N, C-alpha and C. Protein backbone atom coordinates (compact mmCIF):
# COMPACT_ATOMS: atom_id res chain seq x y z
N MET A 1 21.12 -21.34 55.10
CA MET A 1 20.47 -20.79 53.92
C MET A 1 21.56 -20.36 52.94
N PRO A 2 21.50 -20.84 51.69
CA PRO A 2 22.53 -20.48 50.72
C PRO A 2 22.48 -19.00 50.37
N ASN A 3 23.67 -18.44 50.24
CA ASN A 3 23.78 -17.03 49.87
C ASN A 3 24.05 -16.97 48.37
N SER A 4 23.04 -16.75 47.59
CA SER A 4 23.22 -16.73 46.14
C SER A 4 22.73 -15.41 45.56
N ALA A 5 23.29 -15.07 44.42
CA ALA A 5 22.87 -13.84 43.73
C ALA A 5 21.42 -13.92 43.31
N ALA A 6 20.93 -15.15 43.04
CA ALA A 6 19.54 -15.31 42.61
C ALA A 6 18.56 -14.86 43.69
N ALA A 7 18.96 -15.01 44.96
CA ALA A 7 18.08 -14.60 46.04
C ALA A 7 17.88 -13.09 46.07
N TYR A 8 18.83 -12.35 45.50
CA TYR A 8 18.76 -10.89 45.50
C TYR A 8 18.42 -10.31 44.14
N ALA A 9 18.10 -11.17 43.19
CA ALA A 9 17.76 -10.69 41.84
C ALA A 9 16.46 -9.89 41.90
N PRO A 10 16.44 -8.74 41.21
CA PRO A 10 15.21 -7.95 41.23
C PRO A 10 14.08 -8.66 40.51
N ILE A 11 12.89 -8.43 40.99
CA ILE A 11 11.70 -8.98 40.34
C ILE A 11 11.29 -8.02 39.25
N PRO A 12 11.20 -8.50 38.00
CA PRO A 12 10.85 -7.58 36.91
C PRO A 12 9.48 -6.95 37.14
N ASP A 13 9.41 -5.66 36.98
CA ASP A 13 8.15 -4.94 37.13
C ASP A 13 7.71 -4.46 35.76
N PRO A 14 6.64 -5.04 35.21
CA PRO A 14 6.22 -4.65 33.86
C PRO A 14 5.85 -3.18 33.75
N ASP A 15 5.50 -2.54 34.86
CA ASP A 15 5.16 -1.12 34.81
C ASP A 15 6.38 -0.23 34.64
N LEU A 16 7.58 -0.77 34.84
CA LEU A 16 8.80 0.01 34.71
C LEU A 16 9.47 -0.15 33.35
N ARG A 17 8.91 -0.94 32.48
CA ARG A 17 9.48 -1.14 31.15
C ARG A 17 8.76 -0.25 30.15
N TYR A 18 9.52 0.18 29.14
CA TYR A 18 8.92 0.96 28.06
C TYR A 18 7.98 0.05 27.27
N ARG A 19 6.88 0.64 26.78
CA ARG A 19 5.89 -0.13 26.03
C ARG A 19 5.73 0.45 24.63
N LEU A 20 5.79 -0.44 23.66
CA LEU A 20 5.46 -0.13 22.27
C LEU A 20 4.23 -0.93 21.93
N ASN A 21 3.16 -0.25 21.58
CA ASN A 21 1.92 -0.91 21.16
C ASN A 21 1.73 -0.65 19.68
N VAL A 22 1.42 -1.73 18.96
CA VAL A 22 1.34 -1.69 17.51
C VAL A 22 -0.05 -2.12 17.07
N ILE A 23 -0.60 -1.40 16.09
CA ILE A 23 -1.87 -1.81 15.48
C ILE A 23 -1.58 -2.09 14.02
N ALA A 24 -1.86 -3.32 13.61
CA ALA A 24 -1.62 -3.73 12.21
C ALA A 24 -2.84 -4.49 11.71
N LEU A 25 -3.03 -4.46 10.40
CA LEU A 25 -4.16 -5.17 9.82
C LEU A 25 -3.79 -6.56 9.34
N GLU A 26 -2.50 -6.78 9.07
CA GLU A 26 -2.07 -8.12 8.68
C GLU A 26 -0.60 -8.32 9.05
N VAL A 27 -0.26 -9.55 9.42
CA VAL A 27 1.04 -9.89 9.97
C VAL A 27 2.16 -9.73 8.93
N ALA A 28 1.99 -10.28 7.73
CA ALA A 28 3.06 -10.25 6.73
C ALA A 28 3.48 -8.82 6.38
N GLY A 29 2.52 -7.94 6.22
CA GLY A 29 2.83 -6.55 5.91
C GLY A 29 3.57 -5.86 7.04
N LEU A 30 3.18 -6.15 8.28
CA LEU A 30 3.86 -5.58 9.44
C LEU A 30 5.31 -6.04 9.48
N VAL A 31 5.55 -7.33 9.30
CA VAL A 31 6.91 -7.86 9.35
C VAL A 31 7.75 -7.24 8.24
N ALA A 32 7.20 -7.14 7.04
CA ALA A 32 7.94 -6.56 5.92
C ALA A 32 8.27 -5.09 6.17
N SER A 33 7.36 -4.36 6.78
CA SER A 33 7.54 -2.92 6.99
C SER A 33 8.34 -2.57 8.23
N ALA A 34 8.19 -3.35 9.30
CA ALA A 34 8.75 -2.95 10.59
C ALA A 34 9.38 -4.08 11.39
N GLY A 35 9.62 -5.23 10.79
CA GLY A 35 10.12 -6.39 11.53
C GLY A 35 11.44 -6.15 12.25
N GLY A 36 12.38 -5.49 11.60
CA GLY A 36 13.67 -5.22 12.23
C GLY A 36 13.54 -4.29 13.42
N TRP A 37 12.71 -3.26 13.27
CA TRP A 37 12.50 -2.30 14.34
C TRP A 37 11.83 -2.97 15.54
N LEU A 38 10.81 -3.80 15.28
CA LEU A 38 10.14 -4.50 16.38
C LEU A 38 11.11 -5.41 17.12
N TYR A 39 11.93 -6.15 16.35
CA TYR A 39 12.93 -7.02 16.98
C TYR A 39 13.87 -6.20 17.87
N HIS A 40 14.35 -5.07 17.37
CA HIS A 40 15.29 -4.26 18.16
C HIS A 40 14.65 -3.71 19.42
N ARG A 41 13.41 -3.31 19.34
CA ARG A 41 12.75 -2.82 20.56
C ARG A 41 12.66 -3.94 21.60
N VAL A 42 12.30 -5.13 21.17
CA VAL A 42 12.24 -6.27 22.10
C VAL A 42 13.62 -6.55 22.67
N ALA A 43 14.64 -6.58 21.80
CA ALA A 43 16.01 -6.88 22.24
C ALA A 43 16.53 -5.83 23.22
N ASN A 44 16.01 -4.62 23.15
CA ASN A 44 16.43 -3.55 24.05
C ASN A 44 15.57 -3.48 25.31
N GLY A 45 14.72 -4.47 25.52
CA GLY A 45 13.97 -4.58 26.77
C GLY A 45 12.58 -3.97 26.77
N TRP A 46 12.10 -3.52 25.62
CA TRP A 46 10.75 -2.96 25.55
C TRP A 46 9.72 -4.09 25.59
N ASP A 47 8.56 -3.81 26.15
CA ASP A 47 7.41 -4.69 26.02
C ASP A 47 6.73 -4.28 24.72
N VAL A 48 6.71 -5.17 23.75
CA VAL A 48 6.11 -4.87 22.45
C VAL A 48 4.88 -5.74 22.28
N THR A 49 3.73 -5.10 22.08
CA THR A 49 2.47 -5.81 21.89
C THR A 49 1.88 -5.40 20.56
N VAL A 50 1.53 -6.40 19.76
CA VAL A 50 0.95 -6.16 18.44
C VAL A 50 -0.50 -6.62 18.45
N ALA A 51 -1.39 -5.70 18.10
CA ALA A 51 -2.82 -6.02 17.96
C ALA A 51 -3.11 -6.25 16.48
N VAL A 52 -3.54 -7.46 16.15
CA VAL A 52 -3.90 -7.81 14.77
C VAL A 52 -5.24 -8.53 14.78
N PRO A 53 -5.97 -8.47 13.66
CA PRO A 53 -7.22 -9.21 13.59
C PRO A 53 -6.98 -10.70 13.79
N GLY A 54 -7.98 -11.39 14.29
CA GLY A 54 -7.88 -12.83 14.54
C GLY A 54 -7.69 -13.65 13.27
N GLN A 55 -7.41 -14.92 13.47
CA GLN A 55 -7.28 -15.89 12.38
C GLN A 55 -6.10 -15.61 11.46
N GLN A 56 -4.99 -15.12 12.02
CA GLN A 56 -3.78 -14.90 11.23
C GLN A 56 -2.66 -15.77 11.77
N ASN A 57 -1.69 -16.04 10.94
CA ASN A 57 -0.49 -16.78 11.34
C ASN A 57 0.36 -15.87 12.21
N LEU A 58 0.45 -16.18 13.49
CA LEU A 58 1.19 -15.35 14.44
C LEU A 58 2.63 -15.79 14.61
N ARG A 59 3.03 -16.88 13.96
CA ARG A 59 4.41 -17.37 14.09
C ARG A 59 5.45 -16.32 13.73
N PRO A 60 5.27 -15.53 12.66
CA PRO A 60 6.28 -14.51 12.35
C PRO A 60 6.49 -13.51 13.50
N LEU A 61 5.44 -13.16 14.19
CA LEU A 61 5.56 -12.22 15.31
C LEU A 61 6.21 -12.89 16.52
N GLN A 62 5.96 -14.18 16.71
CA GLN A 62 6.63 -14.92 17.78
C GLN A 62 8.13 -14.94 17.54
N ILE A 63 8.55 -15.10 16.28
CA ILE A 63 9.97 -15.10 15.95
C ILE A 63 10.61 -13.77 16.34
N LEU A 64 9.89 -12.68 16.16
CA LEU A 64 10.42 -11.35 16.52
C LEU A 64 10.38 -11.09 18.02
N GLY A 65 9.67 -11.94 18.77
CA GLY A 65 9.63 -11.82 20.22
C GLY A 65 8.54 -10.92 20.77
N VAL A 66 7.57 -10.57 19.94
CA VAL A 66 6.51 -9.67 20.40
C VAL A 66 5.33 -10.47 20.94
N ARG A 67 4.56 -9.83 21.77
CA ARG A 67 3.32 -10.41 22.29
C ARG A 67 2.20 -9.99 21.35
N THR A 68 1.23 -10.84 21.14
CA THR A 68 0.12 -10.51 20.26
C THR A 68 -1.20 -10.53 21.03
N VAL A 69 -2.11 -9.66 20.58
CA VAL A 69 -3.45 -9.61 21.14
C VAL A 69 -4.42 -9.44 19.98
N ASP A 70 -5.67 -9.75 20.24
CA ASP A 70 -6.70 -9.60 19.22
C ASP A 70 -7.05 -8.12 19.06
N LEU A 71 -7.03 -7.65 17.83
CA LEU A 71 -7.29 -6.24 17.55
C LEU A 71 -8.67 -5.80 18.03
N GLU A 72 -9.67 -6.58 17.75
CA GLU A 72 -11.03 -6.19 18.12
C GLU A 72 -11.18 -6.08 19.64
N SER A 73 -10.55 -6.99 20.38
CA SER A 73 -10.59 -6.91 21.85
C SER A 73 -9.93 -5.63 22.36
N GLU A 74 -8.80 -5.27 21.77
CA GLU A 74 -8.10 -4.05 22.18
C GLU A 74 -8.91 -2.81 21.85
N LEU A 75 -9.57 -2.81 20.69
CA LEU A 75 -10.37 -1.65 20.30
C LEU A 75 -11.63 -1.52 21.15
N SER A 76 -12.04 -2.60 21.80
CA SER A 76 -13.21 -2.57 22.68
C SER A 76 -12.87 -2.05 24.07
N ALA A 77 -11.56 -2.04 24.40
CA ALA A 77 -11.12 -1.56 25.71
C ALA A 77 -11.24 -0.04 25.77
N PRO A 78 -11.28 0.53 26.97
CA PRO A 78 -11.32 1.99 27.09
C PRO A 78 -10.17 2.64 26.32
N VAL A 79 -10.43 3.76 25.70
CA VAL A 79 -9.49 4.41 24.79
C VAL A 79 -8.17 4.78 25.45
N GLY A 80 -8.17 5.30 26.64
CA GLY A 80 -6.95 5.83 27.24
C GLY A 80 -6.01 4.81 27.84
N THR A 81 -6.29 3.53 27.73
CA THR A 81 -5.50 2.54 28.47
C THR A 81 -4.40 1.86 27.67
N TRP A 82 -4.19 2.23 26.41
CA TRP A 82 -3.32 1.38 25.61
C TRP A 82 -2.20 2.09 24.87
N ALA A 83 -1.88 3.31 25.12
CA ALA A 83 -0.90 4.03 24.30
C ALA A 83 0.54 3.63 24.61
N GLY A 84 0.96 3.61 25.85
CA GLY A 84 2.35 3.32 26.17
C GLY A 84 3.26 4.49 25.79
N GLN A 85 4.58 4.23 25.73
CA GLN A 85 5.53 5.26 25.34
C GLN A 85 5.58 5.44 23.83
N CYS A 86 5.09 4.44 23.09
CA CYS A 86 5.08 4.54 21.64
C CYS A 86 3.87 3.78 21.09
N LEU A 87 3.18 4.42 20.16
CA LEU A 87 2.07 3.78 19.45
C LEU A 87 2.43 3.78 17.98
N ALA A 88 2.48 2.59 17.39
CA ALA A 88 2.79 2.45 15.96
C ALA A 88 1.57 1.87 15.26
N VAL A 89 1.23 2.45 14.12
CA VAL A 89 0.00 2.07 13.42
C VAL A 89 0.24 2.05 11.92
N VAL A 90 -0.31 1.03 11.26
CA VAL A 90 -0.29 1.03 9.81
C VAL A 90 -1.28 2.09 9.33
N ALA A 91 -0.84 2.90 8.39
CA ALA A 91 -1.64 4.05 7.93
C ALA A 91 -3.03 3.65 7.45
N GLU A 92 -3.12 2.55 6.76
CA GLU A 92 -4.41 2.09 6.23
C GLU A 92 -5.47 1.95 7.34
N ALA A 93 -5.03 1.53 8.53
CA ALA A 93 -5.97 1.34 9.64
C ALA A 93 -6.59 2.65 10.09
N THR A 94 -5.85 3.75 9.97
CA THR A 94 -6.39 5.05 10.38
C THR A 94 -7.46 5.53 9.40
N VAL A 95 -7.43 5.01 8.20
CA VAL A 95 -8.41 5.39 7.18
C VAL A 95 -9.66 4.53 7.28
N THR A 96 -9.48 3.26 7.63
CA THR A 96 -10.59 2.31 7.59
C THR A 96 -11.35 2.17 8.91
N ASP A 97 -10.76 2.62 10.04
CA ASP A 97 -11.41 2.41 11.33
C ASP A 97 -11.32 3.68 12.18
N ALA A 98 -12.47 4.27 12.47
CA ALA A 98 -12.52 5.52 13.24
C ALA A 98 -11.97 5.35 14.65
N ARG A 99 -12.11 4.15 15.22
CA ARG A 99 -11.59 3.92 16.58
C ARG A 99 -10.07 4.00 16.60
N ILE A 100 -9.44 3.48 15.55
CA ILE A 100 -7.98 3.54 15.46
C ILE A 100 -7.53 4.98 15.22
N ARG A 101 -8.22 5.66 14.34
CA ARG A 101 -7.91 7.06 14.06
C ARG A 101 -8.00 7.89 15.34
N GLN A 102 -9.03 7.62 16.17
CA GLN A 102 -9.19 8.34 17.43
C GLN A 102 -8.01 8.06 18.37
N ARG A 103 -7.55 6.83 18.45
CA ARG A 103 -6.42 6.49 19.32
C ARG A 103 -5.15 7.20 18.86
N VAL A 104 -4.95 7.27 17.55
CA VAL A 104 -3.78 7.97 17.03
C VAL A 104 -3.86 9.46 17.37
N GLN A 105 -5.01 10.05 17.19
CA GLN A 105 -5.18 11.48 17.49
C GLN A 105 -4.94 11.76 18.98
N LEU A 106 -5.44 10.89 19.84
CA LEU A 106 -5.20 11.06 21.28
C LEU A 106 -3.71 10.93 21.61
N ALA A 107 -3.05 9.97 21.01
CA ALA A 107 -1.61 9.76 21.25
C ALA A 107 -0.80 10.94 20.73
N LEU A 108 -1.21 11.53 19.61
CA LEU A 108 -0.51 12.71 19.09
C LEU A 108 -0.59 13.87 20.07
N ARG A 109 -1.68 13.96 20.81
CA ARG A 109 -1.85 15.04 21.80
C ARG A 109 -1.16 14.74 23.13
N HIS A 110 -0.81 13.47 23.34
CA HIS A 110 -0.19 13.06 24.61
C HIS A 110 1.32 13.26 24.52
N SER A 111 1.87 14.08 25.42
CA SER A 111 3.29 14.44 25.31
C SER A 111 4.25 13.31 25.62
N LEU A 112 3.78 12.21 26.20
CA LEU A 112 4.67 11.12 26.56
C LEU A 112 4.52 9.90 25.66
N THR A 113 3.85 10.04 24.54
CA THR A 113 3.67 8.92 23.61
C THR A 113 4.15 9.33 22.23
N GLU A 114 5.17 8.63 21.74
CA GLU A 114 5.64 8.84 20.37
C GLU A 114 4.69 8.10 19.44
N VAL A 115 4.33 8.73 18.34
CA VAL A 115 3.46 8.10 17.35
C VAL A 115 4.28 7.79 16.11
N VAL A 116 4.18 6.55 15.65
CA VAL A 116 4.89 6.10 14.45
C VAL A 116 3.87 5.49 13.50
N VAL A 117 3.93 5.90 12.24
CA VAL A 117 2.99 5.40 11.23
C VAL A 117 3.80 4.93 10.04
N TRP A 118 3.37 3.82 9.44
CA TRP A 118 3.99 3.36 8.19
C TRP A 118 2.89 3.07 7.19
N GLY A 119 3.24 3.14 5.92
CA GLY A 119 2.29 2.85 4.85
C GLY A 119 1.97 4.09 4.05
N GLU A 120 1.19 3.89 3.01
CA GLU A 120 0.95 4.94 2.03
C GLU A 120 -0.34 5.72 2.24
N SER A 121 -1.26 5.23 3.01
CA SER A 121 -2.58 5.85 3.11
C SER A 121 -2.65 7.00 4.10
N TRP A 122 -1.57 7.31 4.77
CA TRP A 122 -1.61 8.33 5.82
C TRP A 122 -1.88 9.70 5.24
N GLN A 123 -2.82 10.39 5.83
CA GLN A 123 -3.09 11.78 5.47
C GLN A 123 -2.00 12.60 6.15
N LEU A 124 -1.28 13.37 5.39
CA LEU A 124 -0.14 14.08 5.93
C LEU A 124 -0.53 14.96 7.12
N ASP A 125 0.25 14.87 8.16
CA ASP A 125 0.07 15.64 9.37
C ASP A 125 1.40 16.32 9.63
N ARG A 126 1.38 17.61 9.86
CA ARG A 126 2.63 18.36 10.04
C ARG A 126 3.43 17.87 11.22
N ARG A 127 2.80 17.20 12.16
CA ARG A 127 3.53 16.71 13.33
C ARG A 127 4.34 15.45 13.03
N LEU A 128 4.06 14.79 11.93
CA LEU A 128 4.76 13.54 11.59
C LEU A 128 5.79 13.81 10.51
N HIS A 129 7.02 13.40 10.79
CA HIS A 129 8.13 13.63 9.88
C HIS A 129 8.74 12.29 9.46
N PRO A 130 9.31 12.22 8.25
CA PRO A 130 9.92 10.97 7.79
C PRO A 130 11.09 10.56 8.68
N VAL A 131 11.10 9.30 9.07
CA VAL A 131 12.18 8.71 9.85
C VAL A 131 12.48 7.33 9.28
N ARG A 132 13.62 6.80 9.68
CA ARG A 132 13.99 5.46 9.20
C ARG A 132 14.65 4.67 10.32
N HIS A 133 14.61 3.37 10.15
CA HIS A 133 15.31 2.45 11.05
C HIS A 133 16.11 1.51 10.16
N LEU A 134 17.40 1.38 10.44
CA LEU A 134 18.25 0.47 9.68
C LEU A 134 18.57 -0.72 10.56
N PRO A 135 17.98 -1.89 10.26
CA PRO A 135 18.20 -3.06 11.11
C PRO A 135 19.67 -3.49 11.14
N THR A 136 20.10 -3.97 12.30
CA THR A 136 21.43 -4.54 12.46
C THR A 136 21.45 -5.93 11.81
N VAL A 137 22.59 -6.58 11.87
CA VAL A 137 22.71 -7.94 11.34
C VAL A 137 21.71 -8.86 12.04
N ALA A 138 21.61 -8.75 13.36
CA ALA A 138 20.66 -9.59 14.10
C ALA A 138 19.23 -9.25 13.70
N GLY A 139 18.92 -7.97 13.60
CA GLY A 139 17.59 -7.55 13.19
C GLY A 139 17.22 -8.08 11.82
N ARG A 140 18.17 -8.04 10.89
CA ARG A 140 17.91 -8.56 9.53
C ARG A 140 17.69 -10.08 9.57
N ALA A 141 18.46 -10.77 10.40
CA ALA A 141 18.32 -12.23 10.49
C ALA A 141 16.94 -12.61 11.04
N PHE A 142 16.53 -11.97 12.12
CA PHE A 142 15.22 -12.28 12.69
C PHE A 142 14.09 -11.87 11.74
N LYS A 143 14.24 -10.72 11.11
CA LYS A 143 13.23 -10.28 10.15
C LYS A 143 13.13 -11.25 8.98
N SER A 144 14.27 -11.74 8.48
CA SER A 144 14.27 -12.71 7.38
C SER A 144 13.52 -13.98 7.76
N GLN A 145 13.77 -14.47 8.96
CA GLN A 145 13.10 -15.69 9.42
C GLN A 145 11.60 -15.44 9.59
N ALA A 146 11.25 -14.28 10.09
CA ALA A 146 9.83 -13.96 10.25
C ALA A 146 9.15 -13.83 8.88
N LEU A 147 9.84 -13.24 7.91
CA LEU A 147 9.28 -13.14 6.55
C LEU A 147 9.06 -14.52 5.95
N LEU A 148 10.03 -15.42 6.16
CA LEU A 148 9.88 -16.79 5.67
C LEU A 148 8.67 -17.46 6.32
N ALA A 149 8.52 -17.29 7.62
CA ALA A 149 7.37 -17.89 8.33
C ALA A 149 6.05 -17.30 7.85
N ALA A 150 6.09 -16.05 7.37
CA ALA A 150 4.88 -15.40 6.86
C ALA A 150 4.60 -15.77 5.41
N GLY A 151 5.54 -16.51 4.79
CA GLY A 151 5.36 -16.89 3.39
C GLY A 151 5.64 -15.74 2.43
N THR A 152 6.41 -14.76 2.88
CA THR A 152 6.76 -13.61 2.06
C THR A 152 8.17 -13.77 1.51
N PRO A 153 8.38 -13.53 0.22
CA PRO A 153 9.75 -13.59 -0.30
C PRO A 153 10.64 -12.58 0.43
N VAL A 154 11.80 -13.03 0.89
CA VAL A 154 12.66 -12.18 1.69
C VAL A 154 13.29 -11.08 0.85
N GLY A 155 14.08 -11.42 -0.16
CA GLY A 155 14.72 -10.44 -1.04
C GLY A 155 15.39 -9.33 -0.26
N THR A 156 15.31 -8.12 -0.75
CA THR A 156 15.96 -6.98 -0.11
C THR A 156 15.10 -6.37 0.99
N ARG A 157 13.88 -6.83 1.17
CA ARG A 157 13.00 -6.24 2.18
C ARG A 157 13.53 -6.43 3.59
N ALA A 158 14.36 -7.46 3.82
CA ALA A 158 14.86 -7.71 5.16
C ALA A 158 16.05 -6.83 5.51
N GLY A 159 16.81 -6.38 4.50
CA GLY A 159 18.04 -5.67 4.80
C GLY A 159 18.00 -4.17 4.65
N GLY A 160 17.05 -3.64 3.93
CA GLY A 160 17.02 -2.21 3.69
C GLY A 160 16.44 -1.44 4.86
N PRO A 161 16.49 -0.13 4.76
CA PRO A 161 15.92 0.69 5.83
C PRO A 161 14.40 0.54 5.89
N GLU A 162 13.87 0.64 7.09
CA GLU A 162 12.42 0.63 7.31
C GLU A 162 11.99 2.08 7.46
N LEU A 163 11.03 2.50 6.65
CA LEU A 163 10.64 3.91 6.61
C LEU A 163 9.30 4.13 7.30
N PHE A 164 9.25 5.19 8.10
CA PHE A 164 8.06 5.52 8.88
C PHE A 164 7.86 7.04 8.85
N ARG A 165 6.80 7.46 9.52
CA ARG A 165 6.59 8.87 9.85
C ARG A 165 6.39 8.90 11.36
N SER A 166 6.99 9.89 12.03
CA SER A 166 6.93 9.94 13.49
C SER A 166 6.87 11.38 13.97
N ASP A 167 6.24 11.56 15.14
CA ASP A 167 6.24 12.89 15.74
C ASP A 167 7.45 13.10 16.64
N GLN A 168 8.22 12.06 16.94
CA GLN A 168 9.45 12.10 17.73
C GLN A 168 9.42 13.18 18.81
N LYS A 169 8.58 12.99 19.77
CA LYS A 169 8.43 13.96 20.86
C LYS A 169 9.72 14.08 21.66
N ARG A 170 10.07 15.28 22.00
CA ARG A 170 11.29 15.54 22.77
C ARG A 170 11.09 15.29 24.27
N SER A 171 9.87 15.11 24.71
CA SER A 171 9.60 14.93 26.13
C SER A 171 9.68 13.48 26.58
N LEU A 172 10.03 12.57 25.67
CA LEU A 172 10.07 11.16 26.02
C LEU A 172 11.29 10.84 26.88
N ALA A 173 11.13 9.88 27.78
CA ALA A 173 12.23 9.48 28.67
C ALA A 173 13.32 8.73 27.91
N ALA A 174 12.97 8.04 26.86
CA ALA A 174 13.94 7.26 26.08
C ALA A 174 14.14 7.91 24.72
N ASP A 175 15.39 7.94 24.26
CA ASP A 175 15.65 8.46 22.93
C ASP A 175 15.09 7.48 21.91
N SER A 176 14.56 8.01 20.84
CA SER A 176 14.01 7.16 19.78
C SER A 176 15.16 6.54 18.99
N ASP A 177 14.96 5.32 18.54
CA ASP A 177 15.94 4.65 17.70
C ASP A 177 15.64 4.89 16.22
N LEU A 178 14.72 5.79 15.95
CA LEU A 178 14.38 6.17 14.58
C LEU A 178 15.14 7.43 14.22
N VAL A 179 15.76 7.43 13.04
CA VAL A 179 16.61 8.53 12.60
C VAL A 179 15.84 9.38 11.59
N PRO A 180 15.83 10.70 11.77
CA PRO A 180 15.16 11.56 10.78
C PRO A 180 15.75 11.38 9.38
N VAL A 181 14.88 11.41 8.39
CA VAL A 181 15.32 11.34 6.99
C VAL A 181 15.45 12.77 6.50
N ASP A 182 16.61 13.09 5.99
CA ASP A 182 16.83 14.46 5.49
C ASP A 182 16.31 14.65 4.11
């Protein structure tokens, strides 16, 4: 029997990986707002799942390396099963869908789930503070390609900081890669 390192390689356990779950209403806006951050989370070994409405071009999200699921199917699942270590949501979704708003509120109360929101429609919550993510060269490259696949003009949107609001809980096992904005 050959003695190889492959025989002793650990079997990946999806339950041991950090999970980022994202709720977005459209792919192009998500990539423009958070593409670099999503790429970096995937590159750092996170399981990143994006829930978007059906009938959208998912190629930009495939470029970033994220898994996609149908938003309506996820919203039909039991509420407590989908938060993970981080829940990211486009602000507009919290205004237009009570089920999404409920998931965000539950995650805000859960000490092991960081909540990240982007967009303009968010009703200010004292628990959420401005944060930013500055994509690396690789993050900018992947984000640029994803923007092109989404049919969005790249311009400076791929290279600048990505701005969010986050509760940045101190009880999380992993440090956040989001930096507070002073």
